[in-house]
Structure formats: structure tokens, C-alpha cells
Amino acid sequence: MLTRQQSPQPQEKDWFMFAAGLMIHVSSDYIVMRWLHSCEPLTFAPAICVTMLDVVEKSLKLHLAVQTQTTTALADMGTKYGHNVEALRDACAGFTPVFADDDVRAFATDLNDRDGKLYQQLRYGSQRTTAGFQTNISTLRPAVDKIFCESILCLPEDIRRVLVFSSPLKQLLVGTRFDQSRHPAQLVEALRTDNAYFDRLLQYCRQIEEEQAALAASLIARSLLKNR
């Protein structure tokens, strides 16, 4: 059963702890979104829409947390932004111009309130001040790919390497022993299909894996020399 471990008092998360936890969750969400869209885009349409919004909101919060590096990142994201994706996009655009692109703006334009009224409509099927919505999942997906991937790939290299190295996405793409997926080939294909960012992601994940392997080999070689 699901149980909660109660903290004796509220615990704040600084930017790194917030980003590290968020990287794991948004990577998993992105894989789920891509997988659902590849296998059942119509049956899972409501779940796909919600997951798309989750991916975008978390991606922007991850990017903004790393760029601002505050000691109160968790509280800041809740009090300043909530579910206001447009405000998050605008803040991220101040650091990374790609988030001012027309397609990113178009995705976020109606996601512009802290309470997330459209987000509630998508999650529950109704919301008091929202009559409904209209969209095309296949049109949304490239924008989600862009926001997710640019949120990570445009981070400063030292932080980006640390966050990506332990992410479920990297474990899956590289096929490390830490990958827990039961159908890795199908998941990778779902990530690859019609994804303009797949090759960049795969290349970067392979690069940091190879760098880590080379570093480990160098340390082992040095240790053996010392013990001779």
C-alpha cells in the first residue's frame, strides 16, 4: 500500500535537490507519454494530454531551478508559478531564447493561470470556468519534445551531465545495468519515432557514459600502478 513518511517539520529543497528529483520524474513522464502515443493514441488520448502538460511544466521548472539556483526552489515554484506554464515559459525565455519560439509560445498561451484551470479540465474532464478545449495530440507532441529536450540540453554542462547521468532516460537509451525496463527496444523505438531531438539525446547520453567509463578505467589503472 501507499504510505507517507511524515516529516517532523517542513523541509525546503534547494535548486539542486529539487532539480535532481525532478529529472527522474520528468524523464519517466516523457517516456510514458511517448510510449502511450506510439501504441494507443486514441484510447489513451486523455491520459496523453495530461502527461504532456506534466512533462512541459516539470521541464520548465527543472530548467528554471537550475538557471536561478535559489536555496528555496521548491517553495518558489509553488508560490510564484503553481501550474502557470506561460509564466514559467516566459521566465525560462529570459535565460534561454528557444523558449520564446512561436511553437513554444503557442503551446503555453492558454496555460496562463497559477491554478491551472485548463490542466484541471484535462485531468478531471470538467472545470467551473472552462467550457472545454480543443487540440490535436500529434500537433502538440513536437512542441513537447522540444520543450523537454531543450530544457535539459540547454542547461550548463556541469549540471546537465550530473542530472542526465543518473536519469531513467539515459539508463534506457544507453542500456546500462541500471535500466529496469522490461521492453527496452520498444521504448527506445517509441522515443525515436518522429522525434527531431532523439539523435541529440542519444549522442549526449552515450558521450557521458563513455566519459564515465574512461574515467573509471583510468582510476583503476592508477590504483593498480600504486599497488605494484
Protein backbone atom coordinates (compact mmCIF):
# COMPACT_ATOMS: atom_id res chain seq x y z
CA MET A 1 0.00 0.00 0.00
CA LEU A 2 0.97 3.62 -0.46
CA THR A 3 2.22 5.15 2.77
CA ARG A 4 3.53 8.58 3.60
CA GLN A 5 6.59 9.30 5.70
CA GLN A 6 5.71 12.40 7.65
CA SER A 7 8.46 14.98 8.15
CA PRO A 8 8.59 16.44 11.68
CA GLN A 9 8.76 19.89 10.10
CA PRO A 10 8.60 21.40 6.60
CA GLN A 11 11.77 20.75 4.62
CA GLU A 12 12.90 23.16 1.94
CA LYS A 13 14.70 21.93 -1.19
CA ASP A 14 17.43 23.97 -2.78
CA TRP A 15 17.77 24.17 -6.56
CA PHE A 16 20.00 21.11 -6.93
CA MET A 17 17.95 18.73 -4.77
CA PHE A 18 14.77 19.96 -6.43
CA ALA A 19 16.24 19.52 -9.93
CA ALA A 20 17.72 16.09 -9.18
CA GLY A 21 14.40 14.67 -8.05
CA LEU A 22 12.51 16.38 -10.85
CA MET A 23 14.87 14.99 -13.50
CA ILE A 24 13.96 11.44 -12.53
CA HIS A 25 10.22 12.12 -12.60
CA VAL A 26 10.10 14.17 -15.81
CA SER A 27 12.25 11.59 -17.63
CA SER A 28 9.82 8.86 -16.62
CA ASP A 29 6.84 11.01 -17.63
CA TYR A 30 8.39 11.70 -21.02
CA ILE A 31 8.98 8.02 -21.71
CA VAL A 32 5.38 7.26 -20.67
CA MET A 33 3.97 10.00 -22.90
CA ARG A 34 5.94 8.78 -25.90
CA TRP A 35 5.04 5.14 -25.25
CA LEU A 36 1.30 5.80 -24.88
CA HIS A 37 1.22 7.91 -28.00
CA SER A 38 3.03 5.25 -30.01
CA CYS A 39 0.80 2.32 -29.02
CA GLU A 40 -2.70 3.77 -28.37
CA PRO A 41 -3.00 7.46 -29.30
CA LEU A 42 -6.81 7.47 -29.36
CA THR A 43 -7.69 5.21 -26.44
CA PHE A 44 -5.16 6.94 -24.18
CA ALA A 45 -5.77 10.47 -25.53
CA PRO A 46 -6.95 11.97 -22.19
CA ALA A 47 -4.01 10.46 -20.30
CA ILE A 48 -1.58 11.55 -23.03
CA CYS A 49 -2.79 15.16 -22.86
CA VAL A 50 -2.37 15.28 -19.09
CA THR A 51 1.07 13.68 -19.30
CA MET A 52 2.12 16.18 -21.95
CA LEU A 53 1.26 19.05 -19.61
CA ASP A 54 3.07 17.33 -16.76
CA VAL A 55 6.18 16.95 -18.93
CA VAL A 56 6.14 20.58 -20.04
CA GLU A 57 5.52 22.04 -16.58
CA LYS A 58 8.18 19.88 -14.93
CA SER A 59 10.68 20.50 -17.73
CA LEU A 60 10.33 24.27 -17.42
CA LYS A 61 10.56 24.13 -13.62
CA LEU A 62 13.69 21.99 -13.88
CA HIS A 63 15.28 24.41 -16.31
CA LEU A 64 14.33 27.47 -14.26
CA ALA A 65 15.53 25.95 -10.99
CA VAL A 66 18.98 25.26 -12.42
CA GLN A 67 19.22 28.68 -14.05
CA THR A 68 18.17 30.63 -10.94
CA GLN A 69 19.86 28.36 -8.35
CA THR A 70 17.88 29.60 -5.36
CA THR A 71 18.01 27.98 -1.94
CA THR A 72 14.21 27.79 -1.84
CA ALA A 73 13.45 26.26 -5.25
CA LEU A 74 10.60 24.04 -4.09
CA ALA A 75 8.75 26.89 -2.38
CA ASP A 76 9.49 29.30 -5.22
CA MET A 77 7.95 27.07 -7.86
CA GLY A 78 4.79 26.65 -5.85
CA THR A 79 4.26 30.21 -4.67
CA LYS A 80 5.42 32.08 -7.78
CA TYR A 81 4.22 29.81 -10.57
CA GLY A 82 1.99 26.93 -9.49
CA HIS A 83 0.64 25.45 -12.72
CA ASN A 84 1.15 28.64 -14.74
CA VAL A 85 3.06 27.21 -17.69
CA GLU A 86 3.06 30.51 -19.59
CA ALA A 87 4.75 32.30 -16.68
CA LEU A 88 7.32 29.50 -16.46
CA ARG A 89 7.94 29.68 -20.21
CA ASP A 90 8.44 33.44 -20.05
CA ALA A 91 10.86 33.13 -17.14
CA CYS A 92 12.85 30.42 -18.93
CA ALA A 93 12.96 32.54 -22.10
CA GLY A 94 14.90 35.14 -20.13
CA PHE A 95 17.72 32.60 -19.82
CA THR A 96 17.28 30.52 -22.98
CA PRO A 97 15.83 32.18 -26.12
CA VAL A 98 14.42 28.94 -27.56
CA PHE A 99 11.55 29.19 -25.08
CA ALA A 100 10.42 32.36 -26.84
CA ASP A 101 9.95 30.49 -30.14
CA ASP A 102 6.48 30.67 -31.69
CA ASP A 103 5.65 26.97 -31.23
CA VAL A 104 6.57 27.06 -27.53
CA ARG A 105 4.53 30.23 -27.05
CA ALA A 106 1.56 28.66 -28.81
CA PHE A 107 1.67 25.64 -26.52
CA ALA A 108 1.72 27.74 -23.34
CA THR A 109 -0.54 30.65 -24.24
CA ASP A 110 -3.74 29.26 -22.66
CA LEU A 111 -1.89 27.65 -19.74
CA ASN A 112 -1.56 31.03 -18.13
CA ASP A 113 -3.02 30.84 -14.63
CA ARG A 114 -1.45 29.70 -11.39
CA ASP A 115 -4.35 27.39 -10.53
CA GLY A 116 -4.08 25.55 -13.84
CA LYS A 117 -7.71 25.74 -14.98
CA LEU A 118 -7.09 24.05 -18.32
CA TYR A 119 -4.92 21.49 -16.55
CA GLN A 120 -7.87 20.71 -14.25
CA GLN A 121 -10.16 20.36 -17.26
CA LEU A 122 -7.79 17.84 -18.80
CA ARG A 123 -7.35 15.89 -15.57
CA TYR A 124 -10.96 15.69 -14.43
CA GLY A 125 -13.00 16.32 -17.57
CA SER A 126 -14.59 19.44 -16.11
CA GLN A 127 -13.69 22.78 -14.54
CA ARG A 128 -16.02 25.53 -13.36
CA THR A 129 -14.81 28.33 -15.64
CA THR A 130 -13.66 26.23 -18.61
CA ALA A 131 -16.33 25.07 -21.07
CA GLY A 132 -13.98 22.69 -22.85
CA PHE A 133 -10.87 22.59 -25.03
CA GLN A 134 -9.70 21.65 -28.50
CA THR A 135 -6.36 20.22 -29.53
CA ASN A 136 -4.54 17.72 -31.73
CA ILE A 137 -2.15 15.42 -29.89
CA SER A 138 0.01 14.88 -32.96
CA THR A 139 0.46 18.64 -33.25
CA LEU A 140 1.27 19.01 -29.56
CA ARG A 141 3.87 16.26 -29.43
CA PRO A 142 6.67 18.03 -31.37
CA ALA A 143 6.32 21.03 -29.05
CA VAL A 144 6.52 18.76 -26.01
CA ASP A 145 9.61 17.06 -27.47
CA LYS A 146 11.20 20.47 -27.97
CA ILE A 147 10.42 21.82 -24.51
CA PHE A 148 11.55 18.65 -22.73
CA CYS A 149 14.77 18.23 -24.69
CA GLU A 150 15.79 21.89 -24.77
CA SER A 151 15.08 22.22 -21.06
CA ILE A 152 17.78 19.62 -20.47
CA LEU A 153 20.20 20.12 -23.36
CA CYS A 154 20.41 23.90 -22.80
CA LEU A 155 21.50 23.57 -19.17
CA PRO A 156 25.08 24.42 -18.16
CA GLU A 157 27.25 21.41 -18.99
CA ASP A 158 28.49 20.63 -15.46
CA ILE A 159 24.94 20.41 -14.06
CA ARG A 160 23.48 18.82 -17.17
CA ARG A 161 25.97 15.95 -17.02
CA VAL A 162 25.16 15.17 -13.38
CA LEU A 163 21.39 15.28 -13.89
CA VAL A 164 21.32 13.23 -17.10
CA PHE A 165 23.81 10.62 -15.95
CA SER A 166 21.51 9.09 -13.32
CA SER A 167 18.22 9.63 -15.17
CA PRO A 168 15.95 6.77 -16.31
CA LEU A 169 16.12 8.19 -19.82
CA LYS A 170 19.88 7.79 -20.05
CA GLN A 171 19.82 4.31 -18.48
CA LEU A 172 17.28 3.24 -21.11
CA LEU A 173 18.93 4.83 -24.13
CA VAL A 174 22.41 3.55 -23.30
CA GLY A 175 21.22 0.21 -21.95
CA THR A 176 23.09 0.28 -18.67
CA ARG A 177 22.74 -2.34 -15.96
CA PHE A 178 20.58 0.14 -14.02
CA ASP A 179 17.86 0.17 -16.68
CA GLN A 180 14.79 -1.58 -15.24
CA SER A 181 12.58 -1.59 -18.33
CA ARG A 182 11.07 -4.88 -19.47
CA HIS A 183 10.67 -3.81 -23.10
CA PRO A 184 13.66 -1.55 -23.79
CA ALA A 185 13.67 -1.99 -27.57
CA GLN A 186 10.02 -0.94 -27.86
CA LEU A 187 10.50 2.02 -25.53
CA VAL A 188 13.54 3.26 -27.43
CA GLU A 189 11.64 2.96 -30.70
CA ALA A 190 8.76 4.95 -29.19
CA LEU A 191 11.25 7.67 -28.23
CA ARG A 192 12.88 7.59 -31.67
CA THR A 193 9.79 7.76 -33.91
CA ASP A 194 9.23 11.20 -35.45
CA ASN A 195 11.42 12.79 -32.78
CA ALA A 196 13.69 15.54 -34.10
CA TYR A 197 15.64 15.51 -30.83
CA PHE A 198 16.25 11.79 -30.45
CA ASP A 199 19.70 11.69 -32.05
CA ARG A 200 20.94 14.60 -29.92
CA LEU A 201 19.68 12.96 -26.75
CA LEU A 202 21.16 9.58 -27.66
CA GLN A 203 24.51 11.09 -28.63
CA TYR A 204 24.75 13.04 -25.39
CA CYS A 205 23.80 10.05 -23.23
CA ARG A 206 26.41 7.90 -24.98
CA GLN A 207 29.00 10.64 -24.59
CA ILE A 208 28.66 10.95 -20.83
CA GLU A 209 28.53 7.16 -20.42
CA GLU A 210 31.76 6.79 -22.39
CA GLU A 211 33.40 9.60 -20.42
CA GLN A 212 32.45 7.92 -17.16
CA ALA A 213 33.74 4.56 -18.35
CA ALA A 214 37.04 6.13 -19.40
CA LEU A 215 37.36 7.85 -16.03
CA ALA A 216 36.67 4.61 -14.16
CA ALA A 217 39.25 2.76 -16.27
CA SER A 218 41.82 5.47 -15.58
CA LEU A 219 41.24 5.30 -11.83
CA ILE A 220 41.57 1.52 -11.85
CA ALA A 221 44.81 1.73 -13.83
CA ARG A 222 46.26 4.25 -11.37
CA SER A 223 45.27 2.08 -8.43
CA LEU A 224 46.97 -0.96 -9.96
CA LEU A 225 50.17 1.01 -10.58
CA LYS A 226 50.26 2.18 -6.95
CA ASN A 227 49.84 -1.38 -5.67
CA ARG A 228 52.72 -2.78 -7.69
